[in-house]
Amino acid sequence: MTSRERVRATLTFSTPDRVPRDLWALPYISLFKQKDLDELLNRFPMDFGRPELSPGSNDRDLQKLARAGTYVDEWGSVWHLAEPGIIGEVKEPALAEWSRLDTFRPPWEFARSRDWDHVNRECDRSDLFMLSDVCARPFERLQFLRGSENLYIDLAYDTPEIRTLIGFSFGQAPRTASNTSSG
């Protein structure tokens, strides 16, 4: 059974030959324990793959996590890394204050710059069940942009601004006074 067949059989409850395997590891592993990871993967091959979105993009992402300190993500939030290879935590959300929402623009160029033909070629070359390499975690993105406490308050009080911000997740243009409606 190929990896794709195994995952499809699992998803359709069609009795795969074994449980599909996937492993997500912190960047620390790639930076400092690659040999150990390679040995594990040789012994227990994965059934899932993730195409690289653009040649070299993952290398850049990995390098910003290779040392302790801070970095600014594509959305404008400042992350603090206490130790190399650990993803860190947002300490300065891009939209900690709603007054910044009027000028905030999601990093559309980040998605537009992807080489989708390259992604398709990688998918065609593999028998793995391919997952997106895009970290599309809408709720976590809202936390990264607002900060957890602010987000929970926004959701509890159903602020108009949070609805605008959620709209960004679905590619909607920002709402203005002329096109905002209730409900």
N, C-alpha and C. Protein backbone atom coordinates (compact mmCIF):
# COMPACT_ATOMS: atom_id res chain seq x y z
N MET A 1 0.86 -1.17 0.00
CA MET A 1 0.00 0.00 0.00
C MET A 1 0.90 1.23 0.00
N THR A 2 0.62 2.20 -0.88
CA THR A 2 1.39 3.44 -0.86
C THR A 2 0.90 4.30 0.29
N SER A 3 1.67 5.30 0.59
CA SER A 3 1.27 6.21 1.67
C SER A 3 -0.07 6.87 1.37
N ARG A 4 -0.24 7.31 0.14
CA ARG A 4 -1.52 7.95 -0.22
C ARG A 4 -2.68 6.97 -0.04
N GLU A 5 -2.49 5.73 -0.51
CA GLU A 5 -3.54 4.72 -0.37
C GLU A 5 -3.83 4.45 1.10
N ARG A 6 -2.79 4.39 1.91
CA ARG A 6 -2.93 4.11 3.35
C ARG A 6 -3.74 5.21 4.03
N VAL A 7 -3.42 6.46 3.73
CA VAL A 7 -4.15 7.57 4.36
C VAL A 7 -5.59 7.60 3.87
N ARG A 8 -5.78 7.42 2.57
CA ARG A 8 -7.16 7.40 2.05
C ARG A 8 -7.97 6.27 2.67
N ALA A 9 -7.35 5.09 2.80
CA ALA A 9 -8.05 3.96 3.44
C ALA A 9 -8.42 4.30 4.87
N THR A 10 -7.54 4.97 5.56
CA THR A 10 -7.82 5.36 6.94
C THR A 10 -8.99 6.35 6.99
N LEU A 11 -8.96 7.33 6.10
CA LEU A 11 -10.00 8.36 6.09
C LEU A 11 -11.37 7.80 5.72
N THR A 12 -11.38 6.72 4.96
CA THR A 12 -12.65 6.13 4.55
C THR A 12 -12.99 4.86 5.35
N PHE A 13 -12.23 4.62 6.43
CA PHE A 13 -12.45 3.45 7.29
C PHE A 13 -12.41 2.15 6.49
N SER A 14 -11.43 2.06 5.57
CA SER A 14 -11.32 0.90 4.68
C SER A 14 -10.17 -0.03 5.03
N THR A 15 -9.80 -0.10 6.28
CA THR A 15 -8.80 -1.02 6.79
C THR A 15 -7.45 -0.91 6.08
N PRO A 16 -6.66 0.08 6.45
CA PRO A 16 -5.31 0.19 5.90
C PRO A 16 -4.42 -0.92 6.45
N ASP A 17 -3.27 -1.12 5.82
CA ASP A 17 -2.34 -2.15 6.29
C ASP A 17 -1.70 -1.80 7.63
N ARG A 18 -1.65 -0.51 7.95
CA ARG A 18 -1.17 -0.03 9.25
C ARG A 18 -1.63 1.41 9.42
N VAL A 19 -1.46 1.93 10.60
CA VAL A 19 -1.83 3.32 10.88
C VAL A 19 -0.86 4.24 10.14
N PRO A 20 -1.35 5.26 9.45
CA PRO A 20 -0.45 6.21 8.80
C PRO A 20 0.39 6.95 9.83
N ARG A 21 1.62 7.28 9.46
CA ARG A 21 2.54 7.96 10.37
C ARG A 21 2.86 9.36 9.87
N ASP A 22 2.96 10.27 10.84
CA ASP A 22 3.40 11.63 10.57
C ASP A 22 4.15 12.10 11.81
N LEU A 23 5.09 12.98 11.61
CA LEU A 23 5.86 13.50 12.72
C LEU A 23 6.10 14.98 12.47
N TRP A 24 5.69 15.78 13.43
CA TRP A 24 6.01 17.20 13.39
C TRP A 24 6.99 17.43 14.53
N ALA A 25 8.12 18.01 14.18
CA ALA A 25 9.14 18.26 15.19
C ALA A 25 9.47 19.75 15.23
N LEU A 26 9.82 20.22 16.39
CA LEU A 26 10.26 21.61 16.51
C LEU A 26 11.50 21.84 15.63
N PRO A 27 11.71 23.07 15.19
CA PRO A 27 12.90 23.37 14.39
C PRO A 27 14.20 22.98 15.06
N TYR A 28 14.21 22.91 16.38
CA TYR A 28 15.39 22.49 17.12
C TYR A 28 15.95 21.17 16.57
N ILE A 29 15.06 20.26 16.24
CA ILE A 29 15.47 18.94 15.77
C ILE A 29 16.23 19.06 14.45
N SER A 30 15.70 19.82 13.50
CA SER A 30 16.39 20.01 12.22
C SER A 30 17.72 20.73 12.39
N LEU A 31 17.77 21.63 13.34
CA LEU A 31 18.98 22.42 13.55
C LEU A 31 20.07 21.64 14.28
N PHE A 32 19.69 20.82 15.26
CA PHE A 32 20.69 20.24 16.14
C PHE A 32 20.65 18.71 16.27
N LYS A 33 19.62 18.08 15.76
CA LYS A 33 19.49 16.63 15.91
C LYS A 33 19.08 15.94 14.61
N GLN A 34 19.51 16.49 13.48
CA GLN A 34 19.09 15.97 12.18
C GLN A 34 19.46 14.51 12.00
N LYS A 35 20.65 14.09 12.43
CA LYS A 35 21.07 12.71 12.28
C LYS A 35 20.12 11.77 13.01
N ASP A 36 19.75 12.11 14.23
CA ASP A 36 18.81 11.29 15.00
C ASP A 36 17.45 11.23 14.31
N LEU A 37 17.00 12.36 13.78
CA LEU A 37 15.72 12.39 13.08
C LEU A 37 15.78 11.50 11.83
N ASP A 38 16.87 11.60 11.07
CA ASP A 38 17.01 10.78 9.86
C ASP A 38 16.97 9.29 10.20
N GLU A 39 17.63 8.90 11.29
CA GLU A 39 17.62 7.49 11.71
C GLU A 39 16.21 7.04 12.07
N LEU A 40 15.48 7.88 12.78
CA LEU A 40 14.10 7.55 13.14
C LEU A 40 13.23 7.40 11.90
N LEU A 41 13.37 8.35 10.97
CA LEU A 41 12.55 8.32 9.76
C LEU A 41 12.91 7.15 8.85
N ASN A 42 14.17 6.72 8.87
CA ASN A 42 14.55 5.53 8.10
C ASN A 42 13.88 4.29 8.68
N ARG A 43 13.77 4.25 9.98
CA ARG A 43 13.15 3.11 10.65
C ARG A 43 11.62 3.14 10.54
N PHE A 44 11.05 4.34 10.66
CA PHE A 44 9.60 4.51 10.62
C PHE A 44 9.25 5.60 9.60
N PRO A 45 9.20 5.25 8.32
CA PRO A 45 8.94 6.27 7.29
C PRO A 45 7.57 6.93 7.47
N MET A 46 7.52 8.19 7.13
CA MET A 46 6.28 8.95 7.23
C MET A 46 5.39 8.67 6.02
N ASP A 47 4.11 8.84 6.21
CA ASP A 47 3.14 8.69 5.13
C ASP A 47 2.65 10.03 4.62
N PHE A 48 3.01 11.09 5.32
CA PHE A 48 2.58 12.43 4.94
C PHE A 48 3.79 13.24 4.50
N GLY A 49 3.57 14.07 3.51
CA GLY A 49 4.61 14.98 3.06
C GLY A 49 4.06 16.38 3.00
N ARG A 50 4.95 17.33 2.90
CA ARG A 50 4.56 18.73 2.78
C ARG A 50 5.42 19.35 1.69
N PRO A 51 4.82 19.79 0.61
CA PRO A 51 5.64 20.38 -0.44
C PRO A 51 6.21 21.72 0.02
N GLU A 52 7.41 21.96 -0.36
CA GLU A 52 8.01 23.26 -0.07
C GLU A 52 7.31 24.27 -0.98
N LEU A 53 6.84 25.37 -0.41
CA LEU A 53 6.05 26.32 -1.20
C LEU A 53 6.86 27.08 -2.23
N SER A 54 8.03 27.45 -1.89
CA SER A 54 8.91 28.14 -2.82
C SER A 54 10.32 27.67 -2.50
N PRO A 55 11.11 27.43 -3.51
CA PRO A 55 12.47 26.97 -3.22
C PRO A 55 13.18 27.91 -2.24
N GLY A 56 13.71 27.32 -1.18
CA GLY A 56 14.48 28.09 -0.20
C GLY A 56 13.68 28.74 0.90
N SER A 57 12.34 28.75 0.81
CA SER A 57 11.55 29.46 1.81
C SER A 57 11.70 28.84 3.19
N ASN A 58 11.74 27.52 3.26
CA ASN A 58 11.85 26.87 4.56
C ASN A 58 13.21 27.14 5.19
N ASP A 59 14.25 27.28 4.37
CA ASP A 59 15.58 27.58 4.90
C ASP A 59 15.59 28.93 5.60
N ARG A 60 14.93 29.92 5.01
CA ARG A 60 14.85 31.24 5.64
C ARG A 60 14.09 31.18 6.95
N ASP A 61 12.98 30.45 6.95
CA ASP A 61 12.20 30.32 8.18
C ASP A 61 13.00 29.65 9.27
N LEU A 62 13.76 28.62 8.90
CA LEU A 62 14.56 27.89 9.88
C LEU A 62 15.67 28.76 10.44
N GLN A 63 16.27 29.59 9.61
CA GLN A 63 17.39 30.42 10.08
C GLN A 63 16.96 31.45 11.12
N LYS A 64 15.74 31.99 11.01
CA LYS A 64 15.32 32.96 12.01
C LYS A 64 15.05 32.32 13.36
N LEU A 65 14.91 30.98 13.37
CA LEU A 65 14.69 30.26 14.62
C LEU A 65 15.98 29.64 15.16
N ALA A 66 17.09 29.87 14.47
CA ALA A 66 18.35 29.21 14.84
C ALA A 66 19.05 29.86 16.02
N ARG A 67 18.58 31.00 16.46
CA ARG A 67 19.24 31.66 17.59
C ARG A 67 18.19 32.29 18.50
N ALA A 68 18.55 32.42 19.75
CA ALA A 68 17.66 33.07 20.71
C ALA A 68 17.59 34.56 20.38
N GLY A 69 16.49 35.18 20.72
CA GLY A 69 16.32 36.60 20.45
C GLY A 69 14.90 36.89 19.99
N THR A 70 14.77 37.88 19.11
CA THR A 70 13.45 38.25 18.61
C THR A 70 13.45 38.28 17.09
N TYR A 71 12.28 38.14 16.54
CA TYR A 71 12.09 38.36 15.10
C TYR A 71 10.66 38.84 14.89
N VAL A 72 10.43 39.47 13.76
CA VAL A 72 9.10 39.95 13.39
C VAL A 72 8.57 39.03 12.30
N ASP A 73 7.38 38.48 12.52
CA ASP A 73 6.83 37.59 11.50
C ASP A 73 6.23 38.40 10.35
N GLU A 74 5.76 37.70 9.33
CA GLU A 74 5.24 38.35 8.12
C GLU A 74 4.03 39.24 8.40
N TRP A 75 3.36 39.01 9.53
CA TRP A 75 2.15 39.76 9.88
C TRP A 75 2.46 40.97 10.75
N GLY A 76 3.71 41.11 11.20
CA GLY A 76 4.10 42.26 11.99
C GLY A 76 4.14 42.04 13.49
N SER A 77 3.93 40.81 13.94
CA SER A 77 4.01 40.51 15.38
C SER A 77 5.45 40.17 15.75
N VAL A 78 5.86 40.60 16.94
CA VAL A 78 7.22 40.35 17.41
C VAL A 78 7.23 39.11 18.29
N TRP A 79 8.07 38.16 17.91
CA TRP A 79 8.24 36.89 18.62
C TRP A 79 9.52 36.93 19.43
N HIS A 80 9.50 36.33 20.60
CA HIS A 80 10.68 36.19 21.45
C HIS A 80 11.02 34.71 21.56
N LEU A 81 12.27 34.37 21.27
CA LEU A 81 12.75 33.00 21.38
C LEU A 81 13.73 32.93 22.53
N ALA A 82 13.42 32.12 23.51
CA ALA A 82 14.29 31.99 24.69
C ALA A 82 15.50 31.11 24.40
N GLU A 83 15.34 30.17 23.47
CA GLU A 83 16.46 29.30 23.12
C GLU A 83 16.35 28.91 21.65
N PRO A 84 17.49 28.63 21.02
CA PRO A 84 17.49 28.30 19.59
C PRO A 84 16.63 27.08 19.28
N GLY A 85 15.92 27.17 18.15
CA GLY A 85 15.14 26.04 17.66
C GLY A 85 13.78 25.86 18.28
N ILE A 86 13.45 26.67 19.26
CA ILE A 86 12.13 26.62 19.88
C ILE A 86 11.35 27.79 19.29
N ILE A 87 10.16 27.55 18.83
CA ILE A 87 9.42 28.53 18.05
C ILE A 87 9.23 29.85 18.77
N GLY A 88 9.07 29.84 20.05
CA GLY A 88 8.93 31.08 20.79
C GLY A 88 7.49 31.47 21.01
N GLU A 89 7.32 32.74 21.37
CA GLU A 89 5.98 33.21 21.69
C GLU A 89 5.87 34.69 21.32
N VAL A 90 4.66 35.07 20.91
CA VAL A 90 4.42 36.46 20.55
C VAL A 90 4.36 37.28 21.83
N LYS A 91 5.21 38.29 21.90
CA LYS A 91 5.22 39.19 23.05
C LYS A 91 4.69 40.57 22.68
N GLU A 92 4.71 40.88 21.38
CA GLU A 92 4.22 42.18 20.91
C GLU A 92 3.31 41.93 19.71
N PRO A 93 2.01 41.70 19.96
CA PRO A 93 1.09 41.44 18.85
C PRO A 93 0.97 42.64 17.92
N ALA A 94 0.89 42.37 16.64
CA ALA A 94 0.79 43.44 15.64
C ALA A 94 -0.43 44.33 15.87
N LEU A 95 -1.51 43.74 16.36
CA LEU A 95 -2.75 44.49 16.56
C LEU A 95 -3.15 44.51 18.04
N ALA A 96 -2.19 44.74 18.89
CA ALA A 96 -2.49 44.82 20.32
C ALA A 96 -3.51 45.93 20.58
N GLU A 97 -3.46 46.96 19.78
CA GLU A 97 -4.41 48.08 19.87
C GLU A 97 -5.25 48.11 18.61
N TRP A 98 -6.57 48.23 18.77
CA TRP A 98 -7.45 48.26 17.61
C TRP A 98 -7.20 49.48 16.74
N SER A 99 -6.59 50.52 17.26
CA SER A 99 -6.33 51.71 16.45
C SER A 99 -5.43 51.39 15.25
N ARG A 100 -4.70 50.28 15.30
CA ARG A 100 -3.83 49.88 14.19
C ARG A 100 -4.59 49.16 13.07
N LEU A 101 -5.82 48.76 13.33
CA LEU A 101 -6.58 47.98 12.36
C LEU A 101 -6.82 48.73 11.06
N ASP A 102 -7.05 50.05 11.14
CA ASP A 102 -7.34 50.82 9.93
C ASP A 102 -6.22 50.78 8.91
N THR A 103 -5.00 50.64 9.37
CA THR A 103 -3.86 50.63 8.44
C THR A 103 -3.27 49.23 8.25
N PHE A 104 -3.81 48.25 8.96
CA PHE A 104 -3.29 46.89 8.87
C PHE A 104 -3.67 46.24 7.55
N ARG A 105 -2.71 45.58 6.95
CA ARG A 105 -2.95 44.81 5.74
C ARG A 105 -2.28 43.44 5.90
N PRO A 106 -3.03 42.37 5.72
CA PRO A 106 -2.41 41.04 5.78
C PRO A 106 -1.30 40.95 4.73
N PRO A 107 -0.34 40.08 4.93
CA PRO A 107 0.77 39.96 3.97
C PRO A 107 0.38 39.15 2.73
N TRP A 108 -0.53 39.71 1.94
CA TRP A 108 -1.00 38.99 0.75
C TRP A 108 0.16 38.60 -0.15
N GLU A 109 1.20 39.44 -0.21
CA GLU A 109 2.34 39.13 -1.08
C GLU A 109 3.02 37.83 -0.66
N PHE A 110 2.90 37.46 0.59
CA PHE A 110 3.46 36.22 1.08
C PHE A 110 2.84 35.03 0.34
N ALA A 111 1.53 35.05 0.17
CA ALA A 111 0.85 33.99 -0.57
C ALA A 111 1.03 34.14 -2.07
N ARG A 112 0.99 35.38 -2.54
CA ARG A 112 1.10 35.61 -3.99
C ARG A 112 2.48 35.26 -4.54
N SER A 113 3.50 35.30 -3.69
CA SER A 113 4.86 35.03 -4.17
C SER A 113 5.17 33.54 -4.25
N ARG A 114 4.27 32.70 -3.83
CA ARG A 114 4.51 31.25 -3.84
C ARG A 114 4.55 30.72 -5.27
N ASP A 115 5.39 29.75 -5.49
CA ASP A 115 5.51 29.10 -6.79
C ASP A 115 4.61 27.86 -6.76
N TRP A 116 3.35 28.05 -7.15
CA TRP A 116 2.39 26.96 -7.05
C TRP A 116 2.68 25.85 -8.05
N ASP A 117 3.29 26.16 -9.19
CA ASP A 117 3.69 25.11 -10.12
C ASP A 117 4.73 24.20 -9.48
N HIS A 118 5.64 24.80 -8.71
CA HIS A 118 6.64 24.03 -7.98
C HIS A 118 5.95 23.09 -6.99
N VAL A 119 4.94 23.58 -6.29
CA VAL A 119 4.19 22.76 -5.33
C VAL A 119 3.55 21.59 -6.05
N ASN A 120 2.90 21.86 -7.18
CA ASN A 120 2.24 20.79 -7.92
C ASN A 120 3.23 19.74 -8.40
N ARG A 121 4.40 20.17 -8.87
CA ARG A 121 5.43 19.22 -9.30
C ARG A 121 5.88 18.35 -8.13
N GLU A 122 6.06 18.94 -6.95
CA GLU A 122 6.46 18.15 -5.78
C GLU A 122 5.39 17.14 -5.41
N CYS A 123 4.14 17.53 -5.50
CA CYS A 123 3.05 16.60 -5.19
C CYS A 123 3.02 15.45 -6.19
N ASP A 124 3.22 15.76 -7.46
CA ASP A 124 3.20 14.73 -8.50
C ASP A 124 4.35 13.73 -8.36
N ARG A 125 5.47 14.17 -7.82
CA ARG A 125 6.66 13.31 -7.71
C ARG A 125 6.62 12.38 -6.50
N SER A 126 5.67 12.52 -5.64
CA SER A 126 5.68 11.78 -4.39
C SER A 126 4.48 10.85 -4.28
N ASP A 127 4.69 9.71 -3.60
CA ASP A 127 3.56 8.84 -3.30
C ASP A 127 3.02 9.09 -1.89
N LEU A 128 3.58 10.12 -1.23
CA LEU A 128 3.09 10.50 0.10
C LEU A 128 1.76 11.22 -0.01
N PHE A 129 0.99 11.15 1.05
CA PHE A 129 -0.23 11.94 1.14
C PHE A 129 0.22 13.35 1.50
N MET A 130 -0.03 14.30 0.63
CA MET A 130 0.54 15.64 0.80
C MET A 130 -0.40 16.54 1.58
N LEU A 131 0.19 17.23 2.55
CA LEU A 131 -0.50 18.25 3.33
C LEU A 131 0.04 19.61 2.92
N SER A 132 -0.68 20.62 3.21
CA SER A 132 -0.23 21.97 2.90
C SER A 132 0.94 22.35 3.80
N ASP A 133 1.91 23.03 3.24
CA ASP A 133 3.00 23.56 4.05
C ASP A 133 2.65 24.94 4.61
N VAL A 134 1.45 25.40 4.30
CA VAL A 134 0.98 26.67 4.82
C VAL A 134 0.48 26.44 6.24
N CYS A 135 0.92 27.27 7.11
CA CYS A 135 0.51 27.15 8.50
C CYS A 135 -0.81 27.90 8.69
N ALA A 136 -1.88 27.32 8.18
CA ALA A 136 -3.18 27.97 8.23
C ALA A 136 -3.90 27.58 9.51
N ARG A 137 -3.65 28.34 10.55
CA ARG A 137 -4.28 28.10 11.84
C ARG A 137 -5.00 29.39 12.21
N PRO A 138 -6.21 29.56 11.72
CA PRO A 138 -6.89 30.86 11.90
C PRO A 138 -7.00 31.32 13.34
N PHE A 139 -7.36 30.43 14.27
CA PHE A 139 -7.52 30.87 15.65
C PHE A 139 -6.17 31.30 16.24
N GLU A 140 -5.14 30.51 15.99
CA GLU A 140 -3.83 30.88 16.50
C GLU A 140 -3.33 32.18 15.85
N ARG A 141 -3.62 32.37 14.56
CA ARG A 141 -3.21 33.61 13.90
C ARG A 141 -3.88 34.79 14.59
N LEU A 142 -5.15 34.66 14.95
CA LEU A 142 -5.83 35.74 15.67
C LEU A 142 -5.14 36.00 17.01
N GLN A 143 -4.73 34.94 17.70
CA GLN A 143 -4.00 35.12 18.96
C GLN A 143 -2.66 35.82 18.72
N PHE A 144 -1.97 35.44 17.65
CA PHE A 144 -0.68 36.06 17.35
C PHE A 144 -0.83 37.54 17.02
N LEU A 145 -1.96 37.90 16.40
CA LEU A 145 -2.18 39.29 16.00
C LEU A 145 -2.71 40.16 17.14
N ARG A 146 -3.53 39.58 18.02
CA ARG A 146 -4.17 40.37 19.08
C ARG A 146 -3.59 40.12 20.46
N GLY A 147 -2.98 38.96 20.67
CA GLY A 147 -2.61 38.53 22.01
C GLY A 147 -3.78 37.72 22.56
N SER A 148 -3.47 36.68 23.30
CA SER A 148 -4.53 35.76 23.76
C SER A 148 -5.61 36.45 24.59
N GLU A 149 -5.22 37.23 25.58
CA GLU A 149 -6.21 37.86 26.45
C GLU A 149 -7.12 38.79 25.66
N ASN A 150 -6.52 39.63 24.81
CA ASN A 150 -7.33 40.54 23.99
C ASN A 150 -8.31 39.76 23.11
N LEU A 151 -7.83 38.67 22.50
CA LEU A 151 -8.68 37.89 21.61
C LEU A 151 -9.88 37.31 22.36
N TYR A 152 -9.64 36.74 23.52
CA TYR A 152 -10.75 36.15 24.27
C TYR A 152 -11.78 37.21 24.65
N ILE A 153 -11.34 38.38 25.02
CA ILE A 153 -12.26 39.47 25.34
C ILE A 153 -13.03 39.89 24.09
N ASP A 154 -12.31 40.02 22.96
CA ASP A 154 -12.97 40.38 21.69
C ASP A 154 -14.07 39.39 21.34
N LEU A 155 -13.76 38.10 21.48
CA LEU A 155 -14.75 37.08 21.14
C LEU A 155 -15.92 37.10 22.12
N ALA A 156 -15.64 37.28 23.39
CA ALA A 156 -16.71 37.31 24.40
C ALA A 156 -17.66 38.47 24.16
N TYR A 157 -17.10 39.63 23.79
CA TYR A 157 -17.93 40.81 23.58
C TYR A 157 -18.34 41.01 22.12
N ASP A 158 -17.89 40.11 21.25
CA ASP A 158 -18.24 40.17 19.83
C ASP A 158 -18.00 41.56 19.25
N THR A 159 -16.78 42.04 19.42
CA THR A 159 -16.45 43.38 18.94
C THR A 159 -16.50 43.43 17.41
N PRO A 160 -16.92 44.56 16.86
CA PRO A 160 -16.94 44.68 15.40
C PRO A 160 -15.55 44.49 14.79
N GLU A 161 -14.52 44.92 15.49
CA GLU A 161 -13.17 44.81 14.97
C GLU A 161 -12.74 43.35 14.80
N ILE A 162 -13.16 42.49 15.72
CA ILE A 162 -12.76 41.09 15.60
C ILE A 162 -13.42 40.46 14.39
N ARG A 163 -14.62 40.89 14.09
CA ARG A 163 -15.28 40.37 12.88
C ARG A 163 -14.53 40.81 11.62
N THR A 164 -14.04 42.03 11.61
CA THR A 164 -13.23 42.51 10.49
C THR A 164 -11.96 41.69 10.37
N LEU A 165 -11.31 41.46 11.49
CA LEU A 165 -10.07 40.70 11.49
C LEU A 165 -10.31 39.26 11.03
N ILE A 166 -11.39 38.66 11.48
CA ILE A 166 -11.73 37.30 11.03
C ILE A 166 -11.98 37.31 9.52
N GLY A 167 -12.58 38.37 9.02
CA GLY A 167 -12.81 38.50 7.58
C GLY A 167 -11.53 38.45 6.77
N PHE A 168 -10.46 39.00 7.34
CA PHE A 168 -9.17 38.93 6.66
C PHE A 168 -8.77 37.48 6.41
N SER A 169 -9.12 36.60 7.33
CA SER A 169 -8.76 35.19 7.21
C SER A 169 -9.39 34.56 5.98
N PHE A 170 -10.51 35.13 5.54
CA PHE A 170 -11.20 34.59 4.39
C PHE A 170 -11.02 35.47 3.16
N GLY A 171 -10.04 36.35 3.19
CA GLY A 171 -9.72 37.16 2.03
C GLY A 171 -10.66 38.31 1.79
N GLN A 172 -11.46 38.68 2.77
CA GLN A 172 -12.39 39.79 2.60
C GLN A 172 -11.67 41.11 2.78
N ALA A 173 -12.11 42.09 2.04
CA ALA A 173 -11.56 43.44 2.19
C ALA A 173 -11.99 44.01 3.53
N PRO A 174 -11.20 44.91 4.09
CA PRO A 174 -11.59 45.52 5.36
C PRO A 174 -12.92 46.24 5.23
N ARG A 175 -13.71 46.17 6.29
CA ARG A 175 -15.00 46.87 6.28
C ARG A 175 -14.79 48.32 6.66
N THR A 176 -15.54 49.17 6.03
CA THR A 176 -15.51 50.59 6.37
C THR A 176 -16.91 50.97 6.84
N ALA A 177 -17.03 52.19 7.34
CA ALA A 177 -18.33 52.65 7.84
C ALA A 177 -19.40 52.55 6.76
N SER A 178 -19.01 52.74 5.49
CA SER A 178 -20.02 52.74 4.42
C SER A 178 -20.48 51.32 4.06
N ASN A 179 -19.68 50.29 4.36
CA ASN A 179 -20.15 48.97 3.99
C ASN A 179 -20.29 48.02 5.19
N THR A 180 -20.30 48.54 6.37
CA THR A 180 -20.47 47.72 7.57
C THR A 180 -21.97 47.59 7.85
N SER A 181 -22.38 46.37 8.09
CA SER A 181 -23.78 46.17 8.49
C SER A 181 -23.80 45.29 9.72
N SER A 182 -24.83 45.41 10.49
CA SER A 182 -24.92 44.62 11.71
C SER A 182 -25.45 43.24 11.38
N GLY A 183 -25.13 42.29 12.32
CA GLY A 183 -25.66 40.94 12.23
C GLY A 183 -24.98 40.17 11.22
